[in-house]
Protein backbone atom coordinates (compact mmCIF):
# COMPACT_ATOMS: atom_id res chain seq x y z
CA MET A 1 27.44 2.50 -62.13
CA ARG A 2 27.46 4.11 -58.76
CA ASN A 3 23.82 5.10 -59.07
CA ARG A 4 22.88 1.71 -60.40
CA GLY A 5 24.88 0.09 -57.59
CA GLY A 6 23.16 2.34 -55.06
CA VAL A 7 19.74 1.34 -56.38
CA ARG A 8 20.67 -2.29 -56.18
CA VAL A 9 21.93 -1.97 -52.60
CA ARG A 10 18.72 -0.29 -51.55
CA ALA A 11 16.64 -3.00 -53.25
CA ASP A 12 18.60 -5.74 -51.50
CA ALA A 13 18.08 -4.00 -48.13
CA ALA A 14 14.36 -3.71 -48.74
CA ALA A 15 14.09 -7.40 -49.60
CA LYS A 16 15.96 -8.37 -46.46
CA GLY A 17 13.66 -6.11 -44.38
CA MET A 18 10.59 -7.83 -45.80
CA MET A 19 11.98 -11.26 -44.95
CA ARG A 20 12.82 -10.13 -41.40
CA GLY A 21 9.25 -8.79 -40.95
CA LEU A 22 7.72 -12.06 -42.18
CA LEU A 23 9.93 -14.04 -39.81
CA LEU A 24 8.90 -11.93 -36.80
CA ALA A 25 5.22 -12.30 -37.71
CA CYS A 26 5.57 -16.08 -37.90
CA CYS A 27 7.27 -16.17 -34.50
CA ALA A 28 4.51 -14.10 -32.95
CA ALA A 29 1.86 -16.41 -34.39
CA LEU A 30 3.65 -19.46 -33.05
CA ALA A 31 3.96 -17.85 -29.61
CA VAL A 32 0.23 -17.16 -29.48
CA ALA A 33 -0.55 -20.71 -30.56
CA ALA A 34 1.72 -22.01 -27.82
CA GLY A 35 0.06 -19.83 -25.21
CA CYS A 36 3.17 -17.66 -24.72
CA GLY A 37 1.70 -14.40 -25.97
CA PRO A 38 -1.47 -12.40 -25.43
CA SER A 39 -4.63 -14.40 -26.14
CA ALA A 40 -7.96 -13.27 -27.47
CA ASP A 41 -9.40 -13.89 -23.99
CA ALA A 42 -6.91 -11.60 -22.24
CA PRO A 43 -8.93 -8.36 -22.49
CA ARG A 44 -12.05 -10.13 -21.21
CA GLU A 45 -10.13 -11.72 -18.34
CA ALA A 46 -8.58 -8.38 -17.40
CA ASP A 47 -12.00 -6.75 -17.39
CA GLU A 48 -13.41 -9.48 -15.17
CA ALA A 49 -10.48 -9.18 -12.76
CA ALA A 50 -11.00 -5.42 -12.53
CA GLU A 51 -14.78 -5.61 -12.10
CA VAL A 52 -15.34 -4.64 -8.46
CA THR A 53 -18.68 -3.24 -7.32
CA GLU A 54 -18.44 -0.57 -4.65
CA ILE A 55 -21.34 -0.13 -2.26
CA THR A 56 -21.65 2.70 0.24
CA ALA A 57 -22.62 1.87 3.81
CA ALA A 58 -23.54 4.88 5.95
CA GLY A 59 -24.31 5.27 9.62
CA THR A 60 -23.72 7.32 12.74
CA ALA A 61 -21.96 4.81 14.97
CA PHE A 62 -19.77 6.06 17.78
CA PRO A 63 -16.22 4.68 18.05
CA ASN A 64 -15.68 1.86 20.54
CA THR A 65 -19.35 0.90 20.68
CA ILE A 66 -21.12 -2.28 19.69
CA GLY A 67 -22.73 -0.38 16.81
CA GLU A 68 -19.33 0.26 15.25
CA THR A 69 -18.44 -3.42 15.65
CA HIS A 70 -21.60 -4.43 13.79
CA TRP A 71 -20.65 -2.31 10.78
CA PHE A 72 -17.12 -3.73 10.59
CA THR A 73 -18.61 -7.22 10.74
CA PHE A 74 -20.85 -6.29 7.81
CA GLN A 75 -17.89 -5.05 5.76
CA ARG A 76 -15.80 -8.15 6.42
CA LYS A 77 -18.60 -10.59 5.58
CA VAL A 78 -19.59 -8.82 2.36
CA GLU A 79 -16.06 -8.58 1.00
CA LYS A 80 -15.14 -12.11 2.03
CA GLY A 81 -18.44 -13.65 0.95
CA THR A 82 -18.26 -12.13 -2.53
CA GLN A 83 -14.54 -12.97 -2.84
CA GLY A 84 -13.69 -9.33 -3.33
CA ARG A 85 -16.23 -8.64 -6.07
CA PHE A 86 -17.92 -6.16 -3.71
CA LYS A 87 -16.02 -3.48 -1.83
CA VAL A 88 -17.78 -1.64 0.99
CA ARG A 89 -17.14 2.08 1.29
CA MET A 90 -17.49 2.67 5.01
CA LEU A 91 -19.04 6.00 6.01
CA VAL A 92 -20.38 4.77 9.33
CA HIS A 93 -19.00 7.33 11.78
CA GLY A 94 -21.29 10.21 10.95
CA GLN A 95 -19.53 11.40 7.80
CA PHE A 96 -23.08 11.79 6.49
CA SER A 97 -25.82 13.25 8.67
CA GLU A 98 -28.97 11.18 9.09
CA GLU A 99 -30.71 13.56 6.68
CA GLN A 100 -28.01 12.88 4.07
CA ILE A 101 -28.21 9.12 4.64
CA ALA A 102 -31.98 9.18 4.15
CA ALA A 103 -31.65 11.24 0.97
CA GLY A 104 -28.81 9.02 -0.27
CA LEU A 105 -30.89 5.87 0.17
CA ARG A 106 -33.71 7.40 -1.85
CA ARG A 107 -31.43 8.67 -4.64
CA GLY A 108 -29.06 5.74 -5.08
CA ARG A 109 -25.98 7.37 -3.52
CA VAL A 110 -26.13 5.15 -0.42
CA GLN A 111 -26.88 1.45 -0.82
CA ILE A 112 -27.29 0.50 2.82
CA GLY A 113 -27.59 2.66 5.91
CA ASN A 114 -28.61 2.92 9.54
CA LEU A 115 -31.41 5.34 10.45
CA SER A 116 -32.96 6.04 13.81
CA ALA A 117 -36.70 5.61 14.16
CA THR A 118 -36.95 9.40 14.45
CA MET A 119 -35.27 9.96 11.08
CA THR A 120 -37.12 7.03 9.50
CA SER A 121 -40.35 8.72 10.56
CA THR A 122 -39.61 11.52 8.06
CA LEU A 123 -40.01 8.87 5.35
CA VAL A 124 -42.50 6.57 7.07
CA PRO A 125 -44.32 8.65 9.72
CA GLU A 126 -45.59 5.55 11.53
CA ALA A 127 -42.02 4.81 12.71
CA ALA A 128 -42.51 7.54 15.33
CA MET A 129 -44.93 5.23 17.13
CA LEU A 130 -42.08 2.92 18.11
CA TYR A 131 -40.86 5.53 20.60
CA ALA A 132 -44.17 5.97 22.41
CA PRO A 133 -43.58 5.47 26.15
CA PHE A 134 -44.19 2.25 28.03
CA LEU A 135 -45.19 0.13 25.05
CA PHE A 136 -43.29 -2.86 26.47
CA GLU A 137 -42.85 -4.34 29.92
CA SER A 138 -39.66 -6.24 29.20
CA GLU A 139 -37.00 -6.95 26.59
CA GLU A 140 -38.50 -10.41 26.04
CA GLU A 141 -41.92 -8.96 25.27
CA ALA A 142 -40.42 -6.39 22.89
CA ASP A 143 -38.41 -9.11 21.13
CA PHE A 144 -41.51 -11.21 20.56
CA VAL A 145 -43.59 -8.33 19.21
CA TYR A 146 -40.86 -7.06 16.88
CA ASP A 147 -40.02 -10.51 15.52
CA HIS A 148 -43.53 -11.80 14.98
CA PHE A 149 -45.60 -8.68 14.36
CA LEU A 150 -43.80 -5.40 13.68
CA THR A 151 -41.27 -6.63 11.13
CA ASP A 152 -43.95 -7.47 8.56
CA VAL A 153 -45.81 -4.20 9.14
CA PHE A 154 -42.74 -2.02 8.66
CA SER A 155 -41.35 -4.05 5.76
CA SER A 156 -44.55 -3.21 3.88
CA LEU A 157 -44.59 0.46 4.90
CA LEU A 158 -40.94 0.91 3.90
CA ALA A 159 -41.32 -0.88 0.57
CA VAL A 160 -43.79 1.80 -0.55
CA GLN A 161 -40.93 4.29 -0.13
CA ASP A 162 -38.51 2.09 -2.13
CA LEU A 163 -36.68 1.03 1.02
CA HIS A 164 -35.92 -2.54 2.09
CA LEU A 165 -35.77 -3.45 5.79
CA VAL A 166 -32.56 -5.47 6.09
CA SER A 167 -32.68 -5.73 9.87
CA TRP A 168 -33.46 -3.95 13.09
CA SER A 169 -30.59 -2.67 15.21
CA GLU A 170 -31.38 -2.44 18.88
CA ILE A 171 -30.40 0.64 20.87
CA GLY A 172 -31.96 -0.49 24.12
CA PHE A 173 -34.41 0.86 26.64
CA HIS A 174 -34.24 4.60 27.25
CA HIS A 175 -33.83 5.99 30.75
CA ILE A 176 -33.74 9.46 32.30
CA TYR A 177 -30.35 11.00 33.04
CA SER A 178 -30.00 14.13 35.17
CA VAL A 179 -27.59 16.45 36.91
CA THR A 180 -29.39 15.94 40.24
CA PRO A 181 -31.44 12.85 41.18
CA VAL A 182 -34.87 12.26 39.64
CA LEU A 183 -36.79 9.98 41.98
CA SER A 184 -40.36 10.31 40.72
CA PRO A 185 -42.45 11.92 37.96
CA ALA A 186 -43.01 14.89 40.30
CA ASP A 187 -39.28 15.63 40.16
CA MET A 188 -39.60 16.33 36.43
CA ARG A 189 -41.93 19.30 36.81
CA GLY A 190 -40.24 22.42 35.51
CA ARG A 191 -36.94 20.61 34.95
CA ARG A 192 -35.07 21.69 31.81
CA PHE A 193 -35.38 18.48 29.81
CA ARG A 194 -33.70 17.84 26.48
CA VAL A 195 -35.96 16.28 23.87
CA SER A 196 -35.18 15.11 20.35
CA ALA A 197 -36.96 16.27 17.22
CA SER A 198 -39.56 13.51 17.56
CA ASP A 199 -43.12 14.12 18.70
CA ALA A 200 -42.80 11.10 21.00
CA SER A 201 -39.96 12.69 22.97
CA ARG A 202 -41.70 16.07 23.15
CA LEU A 203 -45.04 14.64 24.28
CA PHE A 204 -43.30 12.50 26.90
CA GLY A 205 -41.56 15.54 28.40
CA GLU A 206 -44.70 17.67 28.29
CA ALA A 207 -46.75 14.95 30.00
CA LEU A 208 -44.29 15.03 32.90
CA GLY A 209 -44.55 18.81 33.18
CA ALA A 210 -40.92 19.34 32.18
CA ASP A 211 -39.55 22.44 30.50
CA VAL A 212 -38.90 20.74 27.15
CA ILE A 213 -35.92 21.99 25.15
CA PRO A 214 -35.41 20.50 21.65
CA LEU A 215 -31.72 19.96 20.90
CA GLY A 216 -29.65 17.95 18.45
CA PHE A 217 -27.61 15.07 19.83
CA GLY A 218 -24.34 16.94 19.44
CA GLU A 219 -25.65 19.80 21.58
CA ILE A 220 -26.35 17.70 24.68
CA VAL A 221 -22.95 17.85 26.39
CA PRO A 222 -22.31 21.59 25.92
CA SER A 223 -25.90 22.34 26.97
CA LEU A 224 -25.41 20.36 30.18
CA GLN A 225 -22.17 22.23 30.80
CA THR A 226 -23.82 25.63 30.42
CA GLY A 227 -26.96 24.68 32.35
CA LEU A 228 -29.27 25.10 29.37
CA ILE A 229 -30.57 21.61 30.17
CA GLU A 230 -30.39 19.53 33.34
CA ALA A 231 -31.89 16.22 32.19
CA GLY A 232 -32.69 14.12 29.14
CA GLU A 233 -33.33 10.56 27.97
CA ASN A 234 -31.28 7.98 26.14
CA SER A 235 -30.15 4.37 26.18
CA LEU A 236 -27.58 3.43 28.78
CA THR A 237 -24.78 2.82 26.29
CA LEU A 238 -25.22 6.12 24.48
CA TYR A 239 -25.50 7.92 27.81
CA VAL A 240 -22.28 6.42 29.15
CA ARG A 241 -20.13 6.39 26.02
CA THR A 242 -20.78 9.78 24.43
CA GLY A 243 -19.76 12.15 27.21
CA THR A 244 -23.25 12.74 28.60
CA SER A 245 -22.62 10.86 31.84
CA GLY A 246 -19.66 13.09 32.62
CA GLU A 247 -22.00 16.07 32.91
CA ALA A 248 -25.12 14.34 34.29
CA SER A 249 -24.05 11.56 36.63
CA HIS A 250 -27.51 10.40 37.76
CA VAL A 251 -29.59 7.95 35.73
CA THR A 252 -33.04 6.66 36.68
CA LEU A 253 -33.65 3.35 34.93
CA THR A 254 -37.25 3.99 33.90
CA ALA A 255 -36.99 1.79 30.78
CA HIS A 256 -39.81 3.92 29.40
CA CYS A 257 -39.01 3.71 25.71
CA PHE A 258 -37.55 0.84 23.69
CA GLY A 259 -34.94 2.30 21.34
CA MET A 260 -34.64 0.71 17.92
CA SER A 261 -33.07 1.79 14.66
CA PHE A 262 -33.45 0.54 11.10
CA ILE A 263 -30.87 -1.04 8.79
CA LEU A 264 -32.23 -0.06 5.38
CA ALA A 265 -31.24 -0.66 1.78
CA ASP A 266 -32.12 1.15 -1.42
CA LYS A 267 -34.83 -1.22 -2.65
CA VAL A 268 -34.17 -0.61 -6.35
CA TRP A 269 -30.53 -1.57 -5.85
CA TRP A 270 -31.49 -4.46 -3.55
CA ASP A 271 -33.95 -5.97 -6.01
CA GLY A 272 -31.38 -5.67 -8.81
CA LEU A 273 -28.76 -7.79 -7.05
CA ALA A 274 -28.04 -11.33 -8.17
CA ASP A 275 -29.75 -13.79 -5.85
CA ALA A 276 -26.46 -15.13 -4.48
CA ASP A 277 -25.10 -11.65 -3.77
CA ARG A 278 -28.35 -10.55 -2.14
CA GLU A 279 -28.19 -13.58 0.14
CA ILE A 280 -24.63 -12.75 1.21
CA ILE A 281 -25.42 -9.09 1.91
CA ALA A 282 -28.68 -9.93 3.68
CA HIS A 283 -26.79 -11.99 6.26
CA ALA A 284 -23.66 -9.84 6.51
CA TYR A 285 -25.06 -7.37 9.01
CA PRO A 286 -25.43 -9.09 12.40
CA SER A 287 -28.88 -10.55 12.95
CA ILE A 288 -31.30 -8.92 15.35
CA ALA A 289 -30.51 -11.70 17.82
CA GLU A 290 -26.81 -10.81 17.66
CA THR A 291 -27.36 -7.05 17.96
CA ARG A 292 -29.66 -7.60 20.92
CA ARG A 293 -27.12 -9.75 22.69
CA GLY A 294 -24.27 -7.34 22.02
CA THR A 295 -26.23 -4.25 23.04
CA ARG A 296 -27.51 -5.83 26.24
CA GLU A 297 -24.14 -7.22 27.24
CA GLU A 298 -22.59 -3.80 26.70
CA ALA A 299 -25.28 -2.11 28.82
CA GLN A 300 -24.81 -4.70 31.57
CA ARG A 301 -21.05 -4.09 31.61
CA ASP A 302 -21.67 -0.35 31.85
CA LEU A 303 -23.89 -0.86 34.89
CA GLU A 304 -21.37 -3.19 36.51
CA ASN A 305 -18.71 -0.51 36.01
CA ALA A 306 -20.94 2.37 37.09
CA GLN A 307 -18.52 3.47 39.79
CA SER A 308 -15.58 3.69 37.39
CA PHE A 309 -17.75 5.69 34.98
CA GLY A 310 -18.74 8.00 37.81
CA ILE A 311 -22.47 7.42 37.41
CA THR A 312 -25.18 6.73 39.97
CA PRO A 313 -27.91 4.43 38.59
CA ARG A 314 -31.23 4.03 40.35
CA TRP A 315 -33.69 1.21 39.74
CA PRO A 316 -37.31 2.22 40.41
CA GLU A 317 -39.40 -0.28 42.32
CA ARG A 318 -42.33 -1.81 40.43
CA ALA A 319 -44.82 0.56 42.06
CA GLU A 320 -42.60 3.53 41.19
CA ARG A 321 -42.34 2.49 37.55
CA ASP A 322 -46.13 2.19 37.48
CA GLN A 323 -46.29 5.83 38.58
CA TRP A 324 -44.13 6.84 35.63
CA ALA A 325 -46.31 4.84 33.24
CA ALA A 326 -49.51 6.34 34.66
CA ALA A 327 -48.17 9.89 34.27
CA VAL A 328 -47.73 9.45 30.51
CA ALA A 329 -50.44 6.86 29.79
CA HIS A 330 -52.25 9.17 27.36
CA VAL A 331 -49.17 9.82 25.20
CA PRO A 332 -49.41 6.84 22.78
CA GLU A 333 -52.94 7.80 21.72
CA GLU A 334 -52.02 11.47 21.49
CA LEU A 335 -48.97 10.56 19.41
CA ALA A 336 -51.07 8.42 17.05
CA ARG A 337 -53.38 11.37 16.41
CA ALA A 338 -50.41 13.66 15.74
CA VAL A 339 -48.67 11.23 13.39
CA GLY A 340 -51.72 10.01 11.48
CA GLY A 341 -51.31 7.59 8.59
CA GLN A 342 -51.43 4.00 9.80
CA SER A 343 -50.36 4.83 13.35
CA ARG A 344 -53.45 3.13 14.71
CA LEU A 345 -52.43 -0.04 12.85
CA VAL A 346 -49.04 0.06 14.59
CA LEU A 347 -50.59 0.45 18.05
CA ASP A 348 -53.12 -2.30 17.35
CA THR A 349 -50.36 -4.59 16.06
CA ILE A 350 -48.32 -4.01 19.21
CA ALA A 351 -51.38 -4.74 21.38
CA GLU A 352 -52.01 -7.93 19.40
CA GLY A 353 -48.39 -9.00 19.81
CA LYS A 354 -48.40 -8.31 23.54
CA ALA A 355 -51.54 -10.42 23.95
CA ALA A 356 -49.95 -13.27 22.00
CA PHE A 357 -46.80 -13.01 24.13
CA ALA A 358 -48.84 -13.14 27.34
CA GLN A 359 -50.73 -16.16 26.05
CA GLN A 360 -47.51 -17.95 25.12
CA LYS A 361 -45.96 -17.14 28.47
CA ALA A 362 -49.01 -18.44 30.34
CA ALA A 363 -48.95 -21.66 28.33
CA ASN A 364 -45.33 -22.25 29.23
């Protein structure tokens, strides 16, 4: 009896367990139907919510400069414009060297980056021509030629290397800084003059009879301190805001070279973007008009505050600037021969643009 009773008790318990399981299953089904439980769409919705595309932006901007501001503007506009679907990984303070940025753009590790014309010339040699001396007489002339002539030329040259020209980023006219005053081309003879890795910089220094010393940007300040160099060239903002002016307080505003850098994108990635996303990203980095305005306003403020920066600027008279131009007049042609490729096309395009600018100016 006991065994039979035990069997019966266990059977009754099993039956009750089955009923309880059926009841719970029915409740779950009703909850789903009422929208109170997990739906079939939940996994898809979760995936969509988690789908964020990260893009890497790389540059070599210095803190507290207009270049840094431009990159933060880019980040804000991309992330806001895509409603958070794109997140920008900001490596814009030199975390990557220019060599690494260039390689990253070619290999898909960097989606958008800022390269100097000198570094871009390792990919597109003709970019070196942009730093030939005395190509432009004024900012207005340079603006016209870049906007209406050079942009198309370099967009085509870069596309062959799977790079897309997003925008130009102006650095500004280069001038000569020095430990002691440089008043004329004759003062450059034998002077220890820092040049960059570009042929344009080297040929410029050699044409002036300087003792040219190739150095990386980071070596400028210590080399001035030790006396290895006593002069160099750069834009006003980079001269003032990177420590150079503290060691070389004189700057002769020769405006001999119009500094420009490239905002480039990996073209394979760029072409693969949805049209709407490409449009947002294309307009996220400040336009060339905005970068020009910001760079020039910053340079003007630096000049106005020259005394507080401890610098002594000198503006050459027109006849004096003509002397500088005459001393290096052969350099653009010599540079074109050294660079090869379509360098002649670049020089001819600039000449064509200058003629068109002069014609437009005369008509107005």
